[in-house]
Protein backbone atom coordinates (compact mmCIF):
# COMPACT_ATOMS: atom_id res chain seq x y z
CA MET A 1 -7.99 11.62 -13.94
CA SER A 2 -11.75 11.54 -13.80
CA ALA A 3 -13.69 10.33 -10.81
CA GLY A 4 -13.28 6.58 -10.67
CA GLY A 5 -10.12 6.80 -12.75
CA ASP A 6 -8.77 4.31 -15.26
CA HIS A 7 -10.13 0.88 -14.36
CA GLY A 8 -7.00 -0.84 -15.70
CA SER A 9 -4.53 1.28 -13.74
CA PRO A 10 -2.84 0.30 -10.45
CA ASP A 11 -3.22 3.96 -9.44
CA THR A 12 -6.95 3.82 -8.79
CA TYR A 13 -9.45 1.72 -6.89
CA ARG A 14 -11.62 -0.29 -9.27
CA SER A 15 -15.30 -0.50 -8.49
CA PRO A 16 -18.52 0.26 -10.37
CA LEU A 17 -19.46 2.61 -7.54
CA ALA A 18 -16.12 4.44 -7.59
CA SER A 19 -16.81 5.96 -10.99
CA ARG A 20 -20.03 7.48 -9.63
CA TYR A 21 -19.25 8.49 -6.08
CA ALA A 22 -15.51 8.66 -5.39
CA SER A 23 -13.06 11.43 -6.07
CA PRO A 24 -9.76 10.65 -7.82
CA GLU A 25 -8.01 11.16 -4.47
CA MET A 26 -10.25 8.65 -2.73
CA CYS A 27 -9.75 6.13 -5.54
CA PHE A 28 -5.99 6.51 -5.16
CA VAL A 29 -6.08 5.83 -1.40
CA PHE A 30 -7.74 2.49 -2.14
CA SER A 31 -5.61 1.71 -5.22
CA ASP A 32 -3.11 -1.10 -5.67
CA ARG A 33 -0.27 1.41 -5.98
CA TYR A 34 -1.10 3.03 -2.64
CA LYS A 35 -1.59 -0.35 -0.95
CA PHE A 36 1.60 -1.97 -2.15
CA ARG A 37 3.69 1.20 -1.77
CA THR A 38 2.45 1.31 1.84
CA TRP A 39 3.47 -2.34 2.32
CA ARG A 40 6.96 -1.46 1.14
CA GLN A 41 7.12 1.53 3.48
CA LEU A 42 6.04 -0.71 6.37
CA TRP A 43 8.73 -3.26 5.50
CA LEU A 44 11.31 -0.47 5.42
CA TRP A 45 10.20 0.80 8.85
CA LEU A 46 10.28 -2.76 10.17
CA ALA A 47 13.85 -3.26 8.90
CA GLU A 48 14.96 0.06 10.39
CA ALA A 49 13.46 -0.86 13.77
CA GLU A 50 15.02 -4.33 13.65
CA GLN A 51 18.41 -2.79 12.81
CA THR A 52 18.05 -0.47 15.81
CA LEU A 53 17.35 -3.50 17.98
CA GLY A 54 20.60 -5.12 16.83
CA LEU A 55 19.55 -7.49 14.05
CA PRO A 56 22.22 -7.86 11.36
CA ILE A 57 20.62 -5.48 8.86
CA THR A 58 23.01 -3.24 6.97
CA ASP A 59 22.69 0.38 5.94
CA ASP A 60 23.06 -0.81 2.31
CA GLN A 61 19.99 -3.01 2.68
CA ILE A 62 18.00 -0.15 4.18
CA GLN A 63 19.11 2.22 1.41
CA GLU A 64 18.25 -0.31 -1.28
CA MET A 65 14.73 -0.61 0.12
CA LYS A 66 14.36 3.20 0.32
CA SER A 67 15.46 3.51 -3.31
CA ASN A 68 12.87 1.03 -4.55
CA LEU A 69 9.70 1.97 -2.65
CA ASP A 70 8.01 3.14 -5.85
CA ASN A 71 9.60 0.61 -8.20
CA ILE A 72 6.65 -1.81 -8.25
CA ASP A 73 6.42 -4.35 -11.05
CA PHE A 74 2.70 -5.12 -10.98
CA LYS A 75 2.99 -7.75 -13.72
CA MET A 76 5.66 -9.65 -11.78
CA ALA A 77 3.61 -9.38 -8.59
CA ALA A 78 0.56 -10.83 -10.36
CA GLU A 79 2.65 -13.71 -11.72
CA GLU A 80 4.14 -14.36 -8.27
CA GLU A 81 0.70 -14.29 -6.67
CA LYS A 82 -0.60 -16.79 -9.20
CA ARG A 83 2.40 -19.03 -8.51
CA LEU A 84 2.46 -18.65 -4.71
CA ARG A 85 -1.28 -18.12 -4.13
CA HIS A 86 -0.43 -15.51 -1.49
CA ASP A 87 -0.59 -11.77 -2.08
CA VAL A 88 1.83 -10.72 0.66
CA MET A 89 4.50 -13.25 -0.28
CA ALA A 90 4.08 -12.31 -3.94
CA HIS A 91 4.97 -8.74 -3.05
CA VAL A 92 7.80 -9.79 -0.74
CA HIS A 93 9.33 -11.65 -3.69
CA THR A 94 8.65 -8.79 -6.11
CA PHE A 95 10.24 -6.24 -3.76
CA GLY A 96 13.13 -8.63 -3.18
CA HIS A 97 13.68 -8.89 -6.93
CA CYS A 98 14.47 -5.18 -7.16
CA CYS A 99 16.28 -5.23 -3.78
CA PRO A 100 18.56 -8.27 -4.00
CA LYS A 101 20.73 -7.18 -1.03
CA ALA A 102 17.65 -6.74 1.14
CA ALA A 103 15.62 -9.70 -0.15
CA GLY A 104 16.36 -11.83 2.92
CA ILE A 105 15.22 -9.19 5.41
CA ILE A 106 12.04 -7.95 3.74
CA HIS A 107 9.09 -8.88 6.00
CA LEU A 108 11.54 -10.45 8.50
CA GLY A 109 9.66 -11.72 11.55
CA ALA A 110 6.33 -10.27 10.43
CA THR A 111 3.02 -11.89 9.63
CA SER A 112 0.73 -10.99 6.74
CA CYS A 113 -1.40 -9.08 9.23
CA TYR A 114 1.51 -6.68 9.79
CA VAL A 115 1.06 -5.17 6.34
CA GLY A 116 -2.65 -5.82 5.95
CA ASP A 117 -3.76 -4.29 9.23
CA ASN A 118 -1.34 -1.37 9.15
CA THR A 119 -2.24 -0.52 5.56
CA ALA A 120 -5.90 -0.46 6.58
CA CYS A 121 -4.99 1.94 9.42
CA THR A 122 -3.07 4.14 6.98
CA ALA A 123 -6.01 4.19 4.56
CA ASP A 124 -8.39 4.90 7.44
CA HIS A 125 -6.24 7.85 8.51
CA SER A 126 -6.27 9.17 4.93
CA TRP A 127 -10.06 8.80 4.91
CA GLU A 128 -10.36 11.66 7.41
CA THR A 129 -8.41 13.96 5.09
CA LEU A 130 -10.39 12.83 2.07
CA LEU A 131 -13.71 13.59 3.74
CA SER A 132 -12.81 17.25 3.68
CA LEU A 133 -11.85 16.96 -0.02
CA ASP A 134 -14.91 14.96 -1.03
CA SER A 135 -17.54 16.31 1.34
CA GLY A 136 -19.49 17.85 -1.54
CA SER A 137 -20.51 14.41 -2.79
CA LEU A 138 -21.36 13.22 0.72
CA HIS A 139 -23.24 16.32 1.87
CA GLY A 140 -25.89 15.53 4.41
CA SER A 141 -25.27 11.78 4.17
CA PRO A 142 -25.47 9.55 7.26
CA GLU A 143 -21.98 8.21 6.35
CA LEU A 144 -20.44 11.67 6.64
CA GLU A 145 -22.31 12.48 9.84
CA ALA A 146 -21.26 9.16 11.44
CA CYS A 147 -17.53 9.65 10.72
CA PRO A 148 -15.54 10.90 13.71
CA ARG A 149 -13.61 14.10 13.03
């Protein structure tokens, strides 16, 4: 994958600037695949925590979610988002489609901010690692110097 990646792929961030300044790794951290895979991981962790707290969540539901973290139907998600006009709920429904046993517990008790804010924190944490990978293109820049290490 070249810098900036394939602009039609869910595996890379799409931006005119990405093709000039971002490494393939950085594009992936901001890609749809990374974002929505992270949402699914967060929903799995939420379900596991809720099960620990005594909510009626079964091991089968947890396992079904684990087995489908990477099984993302981007076309279905886009159709659901168009229908629902809500990105998080579109992905709740899409994940629920491939996890019918767990559909009722995905995102249980959470707000949209749960996935949005925590995904941003995950991407921000990855940013620190990527700076060391991509520092050649940022050499001497104020952005690099301003980033805490």
